[in-house]
Each structure stands twice: as structure tokens, then as C-alpha cells.
N, C-alpha and C. Protein backbone atom coordinates (compact mmCIF):
# COMPACT_ATOMS: atom_id res chain seq x y z
N MET A 1 135.34 117.05 99.33
CA MET A 1 135.31 116.78 100.70
C MET A 1 135.64 115.23 100.22
N ILE A 2 134.32 114.73 99.75
CA ILE A 2 134.57 113.07 99.80
C ILE A 2 135.86 112.56 99.12
N ARG A 3 136.00 113.34 98.09
CA ARG A 3 137.51 112.13 97.34
C ARG A 3 138.30 112.14 98.92
N SER A 4 138.50 113.83 99.17
CA SER A 4 139.87 113.45 100.18
C SER A 4 139.47 112.91 101.41
N LYS A 5 138.71 112.48 101.65
CA LYS A 5 138.34 111.95 102.70
C LYS A 5 138.32 110.33 102.73
N CYS A 6 137.84 109.85 101.49
CA CYS A 6 137.78 108.67 101.52
C CYS A 6 138.75 107.92 100.31
N GLU A 7 139.26 108.79 99.60
CA GLU A 7 140.49 108.05 98.55
C GLU A 7 141.10 107.28 99.03
N ASN A 8 140.86 106.00 98.22
CA ASN A 8 141.24 104.72 98.45
C ASN A 8 141.20 103.89 100.26
N GLU A 9 140.04 104.40 100.27
CA GLU A 9 139.69 103.86 101.87
C GLU A 9 138.30 103.18 101.57
N LYS A 10 138.04 101.92 102.49
CA LYS A 10 137.02 101.14 101.84
C LYS A 10 135.42 102.04 103.26
N VAL A 11 134.60 101.84 101.71
CA VAL A 11 133.35 103.09 102.40
C VAL A 11 132.10 102.05 102.16
N LEU A 12 131.17 102.68 102.82
CA LEU A 12 129.82 102.05 103.10
C LEU A 12 128.93 103.56 102.77
N ILE A 13 128.43 104.03 101.07
CA ILE A 13 127.83 104.95 100.94
C ILE A 13 126.51 104.97 100.65
N LEU A 14 125.16 105.63 101.08
CA LEU A 14 123.89 105.11 100.60
C LEU A 14 123.61 106.64 99.75
N LEU A 15 123.08 106.29 98.87
CA LEU A 15 122.48 107.68 97.78
C LEU A 15 121.05 107.34 98.11
N ASP A 16 120.13 108.00 98.61
CA ASP A 16 118.93 107.76 98.16
C ASP A 16 118.22 108.86 97.59
N ASP A 17 117.36 107.77 96.83
CA ASP A 17 116.27 108.94 95.95
C ASP A 17 117.39 109.99 94.98
N VAL A 18 118.02 109.10 93.96
CA VAL A 18 118.92 109.92 93.34
C VAL A 18 118.01 110.59 92.49
N GLY A 19 117.84 111.75 92.13
CA GLY A 19 116.94 112.25 90.68
C GLY A 19 117.62 112.45 89.15
N HIS A 20 119.16 112.76 89.26
CA HIS A 20 119.77 113.11 88.16
C HIS A 20 121.51 112.76 88.18
N GLN A 21 121.82 112.24 86.97
CA GLN A 21 123.13 112.01 86.93
C GLN A 21 123.97 112.94 87.02
N ASP A 22 123.83 114.28 87.36
CA ASP A 22 124.50 115.07 87.81
C ASP A 22 124.92 114.99 89.17
N HIS A 23 123.67 114.41 90.03
CA HIS A 23 124.30 114.69 91.04
C HIS A 23 125.06 113.32 91.40
N LEU A 24 125.27 112.29 90.67
CA LEU A 24 126.00 111.01 91.13
C LEU A 24 127.30 111.56 90.66
N ASN A 25 127.67 112.10 89.94
CA ASN A 25 128.86 112.89 89.44
C ASN A 25 129.31 113.75 90.29
N LYS A 26 128.87 114.45 91.26
CA LYS A 26 129.28 115.49 92.38
C LYS A 26 129.70 114.50 93.38
N LEU A 27 128.58 113.91 93.82
CA LEU A 27 128.93 113.38 94.78
C LEU A 27 130.13 112.10 94.36
N ILE A 28 130.34 111.35 94.25
CA ILE A 28 131.22 110.37 93.86
C ILE A 28 131.36 110.05 92.30
N GLY A 29 131.40 110.77 91.86
CA GLY A 29 132.37 111.09 90.47
C GLY A 29 133.94 111.22 90.81
N GLY A 30 134.60 110.39 90.11
CA GLY A 30 135.94 110.30 90.08
C GLY A 30 136.83 109.81 91.32
N CYS A 31 135.80 109.26 92.25
CA CYS A 31 136.50 108.72 93.44
C CYS A 31 137.01 107.42 93.09
N LYS A 32 138.07 107.30 93.72
CA LYS A 32 138.18 106.28 93.71
C LYS A 32 138.63 105.50 95.51
N PHE A 33 137.59 104.98 95.20
CA PHE A 33 137.48 104.01 96.99
C PHE A 33 138.07 102.93 97.03
N GLY A 34 138.60 101.98 98.55
CA GLY A 34 139.29 101.04 98.26
C GLY A 34 138.36 99.89 98.21
N LEU A 35 139.33 98.72 97.95
CA LEU A 35 138.93 97.24 97.77
C LEU A 35 137.52 97.72 98.89
N GLY A 36 136.40 96.37 98.19
CA GLY A 36 135.57 96.21 99.46
C GLY A 36 134.00 97.42 99.21
N SER A 37 134.62 98.18 98.70
CA SER A 37 133.42 99.31 99.43
C SER A 37 132.37 99.15 98.62
N ARG A 38 130.97 99.85 99.03
CA ARG A 38 129.92 99.44 98.76
C ARG A 38 129.10 100.64 98.21
N ILE A 39 128.66 101.43 97.38
CA ILE A 39 128.02 102.56 97.57
C ILE A 39 126.60 101.70 96.90
N ILE A 40 125.57 102.13 97.23
CA ILE A 40 124.33 102.11 97.18
C ILE A 40 123.26 103.27 96.91
N ILE A 41 122.62 102.98 95.91
CA ILE A 41 121.85 104.47 95.17
C ILE A 41 120.44 103.95 94.73
N THR A 42 119.87 104.48 95.36
CA THR A 42 118.17 104.52 95.08
C THR A 42 118.22 105.48 94.38
N CYS A 43 116.71 104.87 93.65
CA CYS A 43 116.58 105.82 92.36
C CYS A 43 115.45 105.08 91.43
N ARG A 44 114.50 106.04 90.58
CA ARG A 44 113.22 105.82 90.67
C ARG A 44 113.66 105.72 89.06
N ASP A 45 114.89 106.27 88.31
CA ASP A 45 114.96 105.91 87.21
C ASP A 45 116.53 105.22 86.67
N LYS A 46 116.11 103.53 86.45
CA LYS A 46 116.98 102.93 86.06
C LYS A 46 118.36 103.82 84.97
N ASP A 47 117.94 104.68 84.36
CA ASP A 47 119.06 105.28 83.34
C ASP A 47 120.18 105.42 83.71
N LEU A 48 120.00 105.91 85.17
CA LEU A 48 120.68 106.84 85.62
C LEU A 48 122.18 106.12 86.09
N LEU A 49 121.98 104.82 86.22
CA LEU A 49 122.77 104.00 86.96
C LEU A 49 123.60 103.46 85.58
N LYS A 50 124.99 103.26 85.42
CA LYS A 50 125.95 102.62 84.99
C LYS A 50 125.60 101.08 84.69
N SER A 51 125.98 100.91 83.52
CA SER A 51 125.45 99.47 83.02
C SER A 51 126.11 98.13 83.70
N GLU A 52 127.85 98.74 84.40
CA GLU A 52 128.47 98.14 85.31
C GLU A 52 127.84 97.76 86.35
N TYR A 53 126.90 98.76 87.18
CA TYR A 53 126.55 98.56 88.50
C TYR A 53 125.62 97.05 88.48
N LYS A 54 125.59 96.63 89.29
CA LYS A 54 124.75 95.49 89.86
C LYS A 54 123.74 96.12 90.24
N MET A 55 121.88 95.57 89.63
CA MET A 55 121.14 96.31 90.26
C MET A 55 120.02 95.52 90.64
N TYR A 56 119.45 95.76 91.67
CA TYR A 56 118.76 95.31 92.49
C TYR A 56 117.24 95.58 92.38
N GLU A 57 115.99 95.51 91.95
CA GLU A 57 114.40 96.02 91.80
C GLU A 57 113.87 95.51 92.75
N LEU A 58 113.27 96.22 93.56
CA LEU A 58 112.19 96.11 94.66
C LEU A 58 111.00 95.61 94.11
N LYS A 59 110.47 94.39 94.59
CA LYS A 59 109.26 93.77 94.39
C LYS A 59 108.49 94.37 95.46
N ASP A 60 107.22 94.58 95.21
CA ASP A 60 106.04 95.05 95.80
C ASP A 60 105.97 94.20 96.93
N LEU A 61 105.37 94.58 98.35
CA LEU A 61 105.13 93.40 99.42
C LEU A 61 103.45 93.42 98.68
N ASP A 62 103.69 91.41 99.52
CA ASP A 62 102.32 91.20 99.26
C ASP A 62 101.51 91.28 100.39
N HIS A 63 100.30 91.12 100.57
CA HIS A 63 98.94 91.32 101.50
C HIS A 63 99.75 90.83 103.02
N GLU A 64 100.67 89.59 103.04
CA GLU A 64 101.08 89.11 104.38
C GLU A 64 102.32 89.66 104.96
N GLU A 65 102.80 90.49 103.56
CA GLU A 65 104.10 91.13 104.14
C GLU A 65 103.85 92.47 104.63
N SER A 66 102.98 92.86 103.74
CA SER A 66 102.16 94.28 104.38
C SER A 66 101.54 93.96 105.66
N LEU A 67 100.93 93.22 106.04
CA LEU A 67 100.32 92.69 107.29
C LEU A 67 101.67 92.88 108.29
N LEU A 68 102.72 92.21 108.08
CA LEU A 68 103.68 91.86 109.20
C LEU A 68 104.48 93.49 109.34
N LEU A 69 104.57 93.90 108.27
CA LEU A 69 105.32 95.32 108.61
C LEU A 69 104.18 96.40 109.37
N PHE A 70 103.10 96.18 109.08
CA PHE A 70 102.03 96.77 109.79
C PHE A 70 102.11 96.50 111.44
N SER A 71 102.10 95.43 111.32
CA SER A 71 101.80 94.92 112.83
C SER A 71 103.10 95.67 113.66
N ARG A 72 103.99 95.21 113.04
CA ARG A 72 105.37 95.59 113.90
C ARG A 72 105.52 96.98 114.54
N TYR A 73 104.92 97.79 113.71
CA TYR A 73 104.43 99.18 113.96
C TYR A 73 103.72 99.31 115.00
N ALA A 74 102.38 99.02 114.36
CA ALA A 74 101.05 98.94 115.32
C ALA A 74 101.16 98.19 117.08
N PHE A 75 101.68 97.02 116.69
CA PHE A 75 101.35 96.38 117.95
C PHE A 75 102.95 95.73 118.61
N LYS A 76 104.02 96.10 118.06
CA LYS A 76 105.27 95.79 118.01
C LYS A 76 105.65 93.91 118.26
N GLU A 77 104.58 93.37 117.37
CA GLU A 77 104.33 92.16 117.26
C GLU A 77 104.23 91.70 115.98
N GLU A 78 104.61 90.29 116.10
CA GLU A 78 103.92 90.02 114.52
C GLU A 78 102.67 89.43 113.90
N GLN A 79 101.78 89.65 114.94
CA GLN A 79 100.52 89.45 114.81
C GLN A 79 99.64 90.78 115.43
N SER A 80 98.40 90.88 115.03
CA SER A 80 97.60 91.90 115.63
C SER A 80 96.37 91.13 116.12
N PRO A 81 96.03 91.36 117.93
CA PRO A 81 95.25 91.07 118.21
C PRO A 81 94.20 90.51 118.05
N THR A 82 93.42 89.47 118.38
CA THR A 82 92.22 88.94 117.50
C THR A 82 90.98 90.18 117.38
N ASN A 83 90.90 91.23 118.47
CA ASN A 83 89.94 91.86 118.01
C ASN A 83 90.42 93.01 116.84
N LEU A 84 91.60 93.28 116.36
CA LEU A 84 91.76 93.95 115.49
C LEU A 84 92.05 93.50 114.12
N THR A 85 92.11 92.18 114.41
CA THR A 85 92.61 91.31 112.71
C THR A 85 92.09 92.17 111.92
N THR A 86 90.57 91.88 111.85
CA THR A 86 90.12 92.54 110.34
C THR A 86 90.62 94.20 110.22
N LEU A 87 89.93 94.80 111.27
CA LEU A 87 90.50 96.45 111.09
C LEU A 87 92.43 96.48 110.27
N SER A 88 92.70 95.55 111.12
CA SER A 88 94.07 95.80 110.60
C SER A 88 94.45 95.22 108.57
N SER A 89 93.73 93.97 108.86
CA SER A 89 93.68 93.82 107.21
C SER A 89 92.87 94.46 106.42
N ASP A 90 91.73 95.44 106.79
CA ASP A 90 91.46 96.71 106.36
C ASP A 90 92.38 97.68 105.80
N ILE A 91 93.01 97.95 106.89
CA ILE A 91 93.73 98.82 106.55
C ILE A 91 95.11 98.57 105.77
N VAL A 92 95.66 97.50 105.69
CA VAL A 92 96.59 97.58 105.15
C VAL A 92 96.65 97.41 103.84
N ALA A 93 94.92 96.64 103.38
CA ALA A 93 94.63 96.60 101.94
C ALA A 93 94.30 98.20 101.30
N THR A 94 93.97 99.02 102.20
CA THR A 94 93.60 100.48 101.82
C THR A 94 94.87 101.01 101.48
N THR A 95 95.70 101.03 101.98
CA THR A 95 97.57 101.71 101.79
C THR A 95 97.76 101.40 100.43
N GLY A 96 96.97 100.02 99.82
CA GLY A 96 97.95 99.69 98.78
C GLY A 96 98.86 98.83 99.05
N GLY A 97 99.43 98.48 100.41
CA GLY A 97 101.07 98.04 100.46
C GLY A 97 101.72 98.81 100.65
N LEU A 98 102.03 100.09 100.67
CA LEU A 98 103.11 101.17 100.56
C LEU A 98 103.68 101.10 101.49
N PRO A 99 104.99 100.81 101.76
CA PRO A 99 105.29 100.38 103.01
C PRO A 99 105.47 101.44 104.02
N LEU A 100 106.09 102.98 103.23
CA LEU A 100 105.97 103.99 104.43
C LEU A 100 104.92 104.19 105.00
N ALA A 101 103.69 104.05 103.81
CA ALA A 101 102.38 104.12 104.59
C ALA A 101 101.64 103.61 105.96
N LEU A 102 102.40 102.33 105.36
CA LEU A 102 101.89 101.08 106.58
C LEU A 102 102.88 101.23 107.93
N VAL A 103 103.86 102.00 107.84
CA VAL A 103 104.91 102.43 109.07
C VAL A 103 104.68 103.84 109.68
N VAL A 104 103.70 104.38 109.05
CA VAL A 104 103.01 105.68 109.56
C VAL A 104 101.82 105.67 110.02
N VAL A 105 100.99 104.78 109.44
CA VAL A 105 99.60 104.38 109.98
C VAL A 105 99.82 103.65 110.91
N GLY A 106 100.67 102.44 111.30
CA GLY A 106 100.64 101.68 112.39
C GLY A 106 101.49 102.55 113.50
N SER A 107 102.34 103.10 113.23
CA SER A 107 102.72 104.11 114.69
C SER A 107 102.11 105.07 114.88
N LEU A 108 101.14 105.78 114.49
CA LEU A 108 99.83 106.63 114.48
C LEU A 108 98.78 105.62 115.27
N LEU A 109 98.67 104.22 115.15
CA LEU A 109 97.92 103.68 116.10
C LEU A 109 98.46 102.61 117.16
N LYS A 110 99.65 102.77 116.89
CA LYS A 110 100.43 102.13 118.11
C LYS A 110 99.82 102.18 119.32
N GLY A 111 99.12 101.23 120.29
CA GLY A 111 99.28 101.66 121.96
C GLY A 111 97.73 101.83 121.63
N GLU A 112 97.09 102.06 120.47
CA GLU A 112 95.57 102.92 120.83
C GLU A 112 94.72 101.03 120.59
N GLU A 113 94.10 100.58 121.59
CA GLU A 113 92.92 99.62 121.61
C GLU A 113 91.47 99.88 121.02
N ASP A 114 90.97 101.07 120.80
CA ASP A 114 89.86 101.64 120.60
C ASP A 114 89.41 100.94 119.68
N GLN A 115 88.71 100.70 119.26
CA GLN A 115 88.07 99.94 117.73
C GLN A 115 87.60 101.20 117.24
N MET A 116 87.27 102.05 117.50
CA MET A 116 86.66 103.44 116.93
C MET A 116 87.33 104.52 116.05
N MET A 117 88.82 104.28 117.16
CA MET A 117 89.52 104.77 116.50
C MET A 117 90.55 104.50 115.34
N TRP A 118 90.35 103.08 115.08
CA TRP A 118 90.27 102.12 114.24
C TRP A 118 89.43 102.26 112.62
N THR A 119 88.48 102.51 113.14
CA THR A 119 87.78 102.12 112.30
C THR A 119 87.59 103.84 111.48
N GLU A 120 88.21 104.88 112.55
CA GLU A 120 88.18 105.97 112.01
C GLU A 120 88.99 106.12 111.04
N MET A 121 90.57 105.73 111.30
CA MET A 121 91.91 105.85 110.39
C MET A 121 91.29 105.02 109.14
N LEU A 122 90.74 104.42 109.33
CA LEU A 122 90.26 103.39 108.33
C LEU A 122 89.57 104.35 106.98
N GLU A 123 88.63 104.81 107.29
CA GLU A 123 87.72 106.06 106.80
C GLU A 123 88.00 107.03 106.30
N LYS A 124 89.54 107.21 106.92
CA LYS A 124 89.90 108.65 106.23
C LYS A 124 90.98 108.04 105.21
N LEU A 125 91.83 106.59 105.49
CA LEU A 125 92.77 106.19 104.66
C LEU A 125 91.56 105.85 102.86
N ARG A 126 90.63 105.56 102.84
CA ARG A 126 89.54 105.15 102.50
C ARG A 126 88.96 106.32 101.49
N ILE A 127 88.79 107.21 102.58
CA ILE A 127 88.41 108.59 101.60
C ILE A 127 89.53 109.08 100.73
N VAL A 128 90.69 109.08 100.71
CA VAL A 128 91.82 109.37 99.95
C VAL A 128 91.65 108.20 98.78
N PRO A 129 91.96 108.97 97.42
CA PRO A 129 92.14 108.02 96.23
C PRO A 129 93.24 107.04 96.53
N THR A 130 93.25 105.75 95.74
CA THR A 130 93.93 104.88 96.26
C THR A 130 95.71 105.06 95.16
N ASP A 131 95.23 106.30 94.29
CA ASP A 131 96.59 106.11 93.47
C ASP A 131 97.62 106.97 94.34
N ALA A 132 96.97 108.07 95.44
CA ALA A 132 97.74 108.98 95.68
C ALA A 132 98.67 109.03 97.14
N GLY A 133 99.05 108.00 97.17
CA GLY A 133 100.31 107.67 98.39
C GLY A 133 100.82 108.71 98.99
N GLN A 134 100.64 109.86 98.67
CA GLN A 134 101.53 110.71 99.36
C GLN A 134 100.16 111.77 100.05
N GLU A 135 98.98 111.21 99.48
CA GLU A 135 97.73 111.92 100.20
C GLU A 135 97.34 111.44 101.15
N LYS A 136 97.61 109.57 101.15
CA LYS A 136 97.54 108.86 102.56
C LYS A 136 98.47 109.41 103.82
N LEU A 137 99.66 109.64 103.53
CA LEU A 137 100.86 110.03 104.23
C LEU A 137 100.20 111.59 105.01
N LYS A 138 99.66 111.91 104.51
CA LYS A 138 99.39 113.33 104.52
C LYS A 138 98.35 113.52 105.83
N ILE A 139 97.82 112.36 105.86
CA ILE A 139 96.66 111.91 107.34
C ILE A 139 98.08 111.93 108.27
N SER A 140 98.94 111.65 108.36
CA SER A 140 99.38 111.67 109.70
C SER A 140 100.29 113.31 110.24
N TYR A 141 100.48 113.91 108.60
CA TYR A 141 100.31 115.40 109.19
C TYR A 141 99.44 115.71 109.81
N ASP A 142 98.22 115.97 109.29
CA ASP A 142 97.05 116.10 110.03
C ASP A 142 96.77 116.11 111.08
N THR A 143 97.31 115.10 111.68
CA THR A 143 97.30 114.92 112.93
C THR A 143 98.02 115.30 114.26
N LEU A 144 99.18 116.17 113.41
CA LEU A 144 99.90 116.82 114.27
C LEU A 144 99.23 117.79 114.91
N LYS A 145 99.72 118.58 116.01
CA LYS A 145 99.68 119.80 116.48
C LYS A 145 100.06 120.94 115.59
N HIS A 146 99.47 122.32 115.81
CA HIS A 146 99.80 123.37 115.04
C HIS A 146 101.52 123.62 115.20
N ALA A 147 101.81 123.38 116.56
CA ALA A 147 103.28 123.90 116.47
C ALA A 147 104.38 122.80 115.97
N GLU A 148 103.96 121.42 116.00
CA GLU A 148 104.58 120.40 115.44
C GLU A 148 104.93 120.75 113.44
N LYS A 149 103.32 120.85 113.47
CA LYS A 149 103.60 121.09 111.71
C LYS A 149 104.06 122.71 111.26
N GLN A 150 104.51 123.48 112.22
CA GLN A 150 105.08 124.66 111.34
C GLN A 150 106.58 123.54 112.07
N MET A 151 107.12 123.29 112.66
CA MET A 151 108.34 122.96 112.98
C MET A 151 108.88 122.13 111.48
N PHE A 152 107.50 121.03 111.00
CA PHE A 152 107.66 120.21 109.75
C PHE A 152 107.90 121.17 108.92
N LEU A 153 107.32 122.00 108.97
CA LEU A 153 107.16 123.05 107.40
C LEU A 153 108.54 124.13 107.51
N ASP A 154 109.24 124.20 108.92
CA ASP A 154 110.32 125.09 108.91
C ASP A 154 111.71 123.71 108.44
N ILE A 155 111.53 122.99 108.89
CA ILE A 155 112.92 122.10 108.69
C ILE A 155 112.43 121.50 106.81
N ALA A 156 111.18 121.13 106.62
CA ALA A 156 111.15 121.07 105.02
C ALA A 156 111.61 122.11 103.85
N CYS A 157 111.37 123.13 104.64
CA CYS A 157 111.64 124.62 103.86
C CYS A 157 113.12 124.87 103.81
N PHE A 158 114.32 124.16 105.03
CA PHE A 158 115.36 124.29 105.21
C PHE A 158 116.10 123.52 104.04
N PHE A 159 115.56 122.29 103.64
CA PHE A 159 116.31 121.55 103.18
C PHE A 159 115.78 122.03 101.37
N TYR A 160 114.48 122.38 101.07
CA TYR A 160 114.22 122.76 99.85
C TYR A 160 115.13 123.95 99.85
N TRP A 161 115.63 125.05 100.21
CA TRP A 161 116.02 126.48 100.27
C TRP A 161 117.84 126.18 100.11
N ASN A 162 118.27 124.64 100.64
CA ASN A 162 119.72 124.63 101.07
C ASN A 162 120.41 123.60 99.89
């Protein structure tokens, strides 16, 4: 379907978290896209990419960039309020600067001005081992109500089985 719809067309395609060469071959192999087309592929294994591809490697966020990302989600501003500056900095340090964790935790704390709630979140993050980013993100899952957890699992299973 991709081949027939995109033949000689200028396209922008994003393939996120590609895990196998077979996936690339099935999705875009043999396609003749139009001039100026861009295909963005994210993957963890550089060996999946052909040598003629332009490669860009993402760098880790430093503490200031991490704090900025977190603040945008927690406060919808570039900086945290003075009374939450230290807690914000501690939360950012505890997440290891993992962007998805910063977005999730920032979103969970959005609009919350009770320092006790922030301290509890920080303690939950500290309990999780530092190298287990997935476990850090599980905190957001744990805050869901039972019905929301069931919907999340239904959606996750749908993609797993299809």
C-alpha cells in the first residue's frame, strides 16, 4: 500500500523504534519516493541503517535542559516557582534526565502546589533503582484508577496481538 500511494511522491515518513531490518524492508523497501522526501528512522541498533543514510545520534540532556523540559510540563513555564525549585531539581536528578520520565512526572504534578505531594513523588522515584527507567515510568501507571488501568492494558494487548 505504501509503495502504490507514495510512488514518486514527496513524503515525510517517521519510523519510530525500529528493531529489525525486516521491518524496514517490509515498510519502505523498494519504494521510489519523490525528490525531497525524508524518512526519519529511530532505532537503538545503528547496524540496521544503511551506510548511505545520514545519521544523527541523540545526546543525553544535561541537568539544565532536563529541568527546562520538566518545568514546561509541570508548570507550563520555563522555571519552577521558588518554593518548588529544590524539589524540581531533585526530581530531575532522580529521573536521570530521562525525557519521557520528565514529561510523565511533570504532567502528573502539573497544577499541584502541595509540597507534600511533590516530596511523596520524589520518594517514590528514589525507591526505584536508578537504572530501571521503565520502573520509574510505572509510577504514572500506578496512579491510574482501576478502569483506566484496564483500558491501558486492553490497548497494549491490542497492539501486541496485531
